[in-house]
C-alpha atoms as a PDB file:
ATOM      1  CA  UNK A   1     116.434  93.856 118.097  1.00  0.00           C
ATOM      2  CA  UNK A   2     117.884  90.424 117.402  1.00  0.00           C
ATOM      3  CA  UNK A   3     119.578  89.647 114.096  1.00  0.00           C
ATOM      4  CA  UNK A   4     116.613  87.594 112.876  1.00  0.00           C
ATOM      5  CA  UNK A   5     114.159  90.415 113.529  1.00  0.00           C
ATOM      6  CA  UNK A   6     116.471  92.986 111.914  1.00  0.00           C
ATOM      7  CA  UNK A   7     116.814  90.787 108.827  1.00  0.00           C
ATOM      8  CA  UNK A   8     113.032  90.363 108.569  1.00  0.00           C
ATOM      9  CA  UNK A   9     112.576  94.103 109.040  1.00  0.00           C
ATOM     10  CA  UNK A  10     115.125  94.924 106.319  1.00  0.00           C
ATOM     11  CA  UNK A  11     113.520  92.456 103.913  1.00  0.00           C
ATOM     12  CA  UNK A  12     110.094  93.960 104.556  1.00  0.00           C
ATOM     13  CA  UNK A  13     111.516  97.442 104.015  1.00  0.00           C
ATOM     14  CA  UNK A  14     112.926  96.452 100.622  1.00  0.00           C
ATOM     15  CA  UNK A  15     109.660  94.771  99.691  1.00  0.00           C
ATOM     16  CA  UNK A  16     107.692  97.815 100.775  1.00  0.00           C
ATOM     17  CA  UNK A  17     109.916 100.084  98.703  1.00  0.00           C
ATOM     18  CA  UNK A  18     109.301  97.861  95.672  1.00  0.00           C
ATOM     19  CA  UNK A  19     105.578  97.804  96.374  1.00  0.00           C
ATOM     20  CA  UNK A  20     105.555 101.586  96.703  1.00  0.00           C
ATOM     21  CA  UNK A  21     107.277 101.997  93.347  1.00  0.00           C
ATOM     22  CA  UNK A  22     104.838  99.546  91.797  1.00  0.00           C
ATOM     23  CA  UNK A  23     101.853 101.356  93.277  1.00  0.00           C
ATOM     24  CA  UNK A  24     102.856 104.896  92.322  1.00  0.00           C
ATOM     25  CA  UNK A  25     103.528 103.850  88.750  1.00  0.00           C
ATOM     26  CA  UNK A  26     100.293 101.853  88.367  1.00  0.00           C
ATOM     27  CA  UNK A  27      96.785 102.831  87.415  1.00  0.00           C
ATOM     28  CA  UNK A  28      94.374 104.043  90.073  1.00  0.00           C
ATOM     29  CA  UNK A  29      92.429 100.780  90.447  1.00  0.00           C
ATOM     30  CA  UNK A  30      95.005  98.517  92.078  1.00  0.00           C
ATOM     31  CA  UNK A  31      93.380  97.490  95.343  1.00  0.00           C
ATOM     32  CA  UNK A  32      95.439  94.314  95.447  1.00  0.00           C
ATOM     33  CA  UNK A  33      98.567  96.424  95.959  1.00  0.00           C
ATOM     34  CA  UNK A  34      96.902  98.196  98.876  1.00  0.00           C
ATOM     35  CA  UNK A  35      96.002  94.803 100.344  1.00  0.00           C
ATOM     36  CA  UNK A  36      99.650  93.754 100.024  1.00  0.00           C
ATOM     37  CA  UNK A  37     100.606  96.949 101.872  1.00  0.00           C
ATOM     38  CA  UNK A  38      98.170  96.121 104.644  1.00  0.00           C
ATOM     39  CA  UNK A  39      99.611  92.590 104.854  1.00  0.00           C
ATOM     40  CA  UNK A  40     103.105  94.068 105.109  1.00  0.00           C
ATOM     41  CA  UNK A  41     101.832  96.264 107.914  1.00  0.00           C
ATOM     42  CA  UNK A  42     100.481  93.136 109.609  1.00  0.00           C
ATOM     43  CA  UNK A  43     103.936  91.572 109.382  1.00  0.00           C
ATOM     44  CA  UNK A  44     105.572  94.715 110.798  1.00  0.00           C
ATOM     45  CA  UNK A  45     103.041  94.517 113.626  1.00  0.00           C
ATOM     46  CA  UNK A  46     103.807  90.847 114.312  1.00  0.00           C
ATOM     47  CA  UNK A  47     107.541  91.523 114.433  1.00  0.00           C
ATOM     48  CA  UNK A  48     106.938  94.446 116.781  1.00  0.00           C
ATOM     49  CA  UNK A  49     104.836  92.287 119.105  1.00  0.00           C
ATOM     50  CA  UNK A  50     107.483  89.538 119.090  1.00  0.00           C
ATOM     51  CA  UNK A  51     110.055  91.977 120.423  1.00  0.00           C
ATOM     52  CA  UNK A  52     107.589  93.671 122.807  1.00  0.00           C
ATOM     53  CA  UNK A  53     107.738  96.969 120.940  1.00  0.00           C
ATOM     54  CA  UNK A  54     104.892  99.305 121.892  1.00  0.00           C
ATOM     55  CA  UNK A  55     102.459 100.348 119.166  1.00  0.00           C
ATOM     56  CA  UNK A  56     103.683 103.930 119.300  1.00  0.00           C
ATOM     57  CA  UNK A  57     107.264 102.812 118.605  1.00  0.00           C
ATOM     58  CA  UNK A  58     106.148 100.518 115.774  1.00  0.00           C
ATOM     59  CA  UNK A  59     104.225 103.378 114.188  1.00  0.00           C
ATOM     60  CA  UNK A  60     107.121 105.758 114.747  1.00  0.00           C
ATOM     61  CA  UNK A  61     109.360 103.455 112.694  1.00  0.00           C
ATOM     62  CA  UNK A  62     106.734 103.307 109.936  1.00  0.00           C
ATOM     63  CA  UNK A  63     106.358 107.084 109.992  1.00  0.00           C
ATOM     64  CA  UNK A  64     110.123 107.452 109.613  1.00  0.00           C
ATOM     65  CA  UNK A  65     109.899 105.373 106.424  1.00  0.00           C
ATOM     66  CA  UNK A  66     107.039 107.582 105.218  1.00  0.00           C
ATOM     67  CA  UNK A  67     109.024 110.747 105.940  1.00  0.00           C
ATOM     68  CA  UNK A  68     111.973 109.436 103.948  1.00  0.00           C
ATOM     69  CA  UNK A  69     109.771 108.595 100.941  1.00  0.00           C
ATOM     70  CA  UNK A  70     108.039 111.959 101.029  1.00  0.00           C
ATOM     71  CA  UNK A  71     111.350 113.794 101.252  1.00  0.00           C
ATOM     72  CA  UNK A  72     112.574 111.979  98.152  1.00  0.00           C
ATOM     73  CA  UNK A  73     109.298 112.685  96.340  1.00  0.00           C
ATOM     74  CA  UNK A  74     109.501 116.382  97.188  1.00  0.00           C
ATOM     75  CA  UNK A  75     112.992 116.572  95.714  1.00  0.00           C
ATOM     76  CA  UNK A  76     111.938 114.969  92.427  1.00  0.00           C
ATOM     77  CA  UNK A  77     110.680 118.142  90.732  1.00  0.00           C
ATOM     78  CA  UNK A  78     114.061 119.754  91.336  1.00  0.00           C
ATOM     79  CA  UNK A  79     116.012 116.898  89.767  1.00  0.00           C
ATOM     80  CA  UNK A  80     113.557 115.891  87.027  1.00  0.00           C
ATOM     81  CA  UNK A  81     110.963 117.523  84.853  1.00  0.00           C
ATOM     82  CA  UNK A  82     107.943 116.445  86.872  1.00  0.00           C
ATOM     83  CA  UNK A  83     105.000 118.816  86.772  1.00  0.00           C
ATOM     84  CA  UNK A  84     103.658 120.010  90.106  1.00  0.00           C
ATOM     85  CA  UNK A  85     100.299 118.271  89.635  1.00  0.00           C
ATOM     86  CA  UNK A  86     102.092 114.984  88.920  1.00  0.00           C
ATOM     87  CA  UNK A  87     104.112 115.384  92.085  1.00  0.00           C
ATOM     88  CA  UNK A  88     100.906 115.980  94.039  1.00  0.00           C
ATOM     89  CA  UNK A  89      99.492 112.730  92.586  1.00  0.00           C
ATOM     90  CA  UNK A  90     102.698 110.954  93.613  1.00  0.00           C
ATOM     91  CA  UNK A  91     102.416 112.273  97.184  1.00  0.00           C
ATOM     92  CA  UNK A  92      98.795 111.187  97.426  1.00  0.00           C
ATOM     93  CA  UNK A  93      99.617 107.703  96.164  1.00  0.00           C
ATOM     94  CA  UNK A  94     102.456 107.304  98.653  1.00  0.00           C
ATOM     95  CA  UNK A  95     100.152 108.374 101.463  1.00  0.00           C
ATOM     96  CA  UNK A  96      97.344 106.019 100.432  1.00  0.00           C
ATOM     97  CA  UNK A  97      99.676 103.019 100.359  1.00  0.00           C
ATOM     98  CA  UNK A  98     101.434 103.862 103.606  1.00  0.00           C
ATOM     99  CA  UNK A  99      98.098 104.495 105.313  1.00  0.00           C
ATOM    100  CA  UNK A 100      97.250 100.874 104.484  1.00  0.00           C
ATOM    101  CA  UNK A 101     100.572  99.766 106.015  1.00  0.00           C
ATOM    102  CA  UNK A 102      99.972 101.776 109.187  1.00  0.00           C
ATOM    103  CA  UNK A 103      96.454 100.410 109.540  1.00  0.00           C
ATOM    104  CA  UNK A 104      97.857  96.904 109.105  1.00  0.00           C
ATOM    105  CA  UNK A 105     100.264  97.486 111.992  1.00  0.00           C
ATOM    106  CA  UNK A 106      97.473  98.807 114.193  1.00  0.00           C
ATOM    107  CA  UNK A 107      95.237  95.827 113.293  1.00  0.00           C
ATOM    108  CA  UNK A 108      97.754  93.354 114.666  1.00  0.00           C
ATOM    109  CA  UNK A 109      98.099  95.256 117.922  1.00  0.00           C
ATOM    110  CA  UNK A 110      94.338  95.564 118.221  1.00  0.00           C
ATOM    111  CA  UNK A 111      93.841  91.839 117.669  1.00  0.00           C
ATOM    112  CA  UNK A 112      96.541  91.029 120.235  1.00  0.00           C
ATOM    113  CA  UNK A 113      95.128  93.567 122.688  1.00  0.00           C
END
C-alpha cells in the first residue's frame, strides 16, 4: 500500500474509532451516526478498489478492527465496574455500527462490479 493510501486508511481508522465511541455513548436513535459509518465503509471500499484489493481482503481488514474493539469491550468489566447487561449493550452497539461499515465496503465493490 502506498504512503497516501496508508495515510488515508489511518485517518479513517481514527475517525471510525471516534465515531464508535460517539455511537456507543449516544442514545439509541442516532441513525445519522450509522449513516456516517456506512459512508466510512464506502471510503474504505474506494481505497481498496484503488489498490486492487479483493473484497475478501478489504473485509478481513475491517473484521480485524472489529475484533480489536470487541476484545477491548470484553475486558472492560474486568477493569471497570460495568454491569454485564451494560457490556452486552455495548457489544450490540459496536456490532450495529460496524455492520454498517462492512455493508458500506460491500456496496462500493458491488457498484464497481
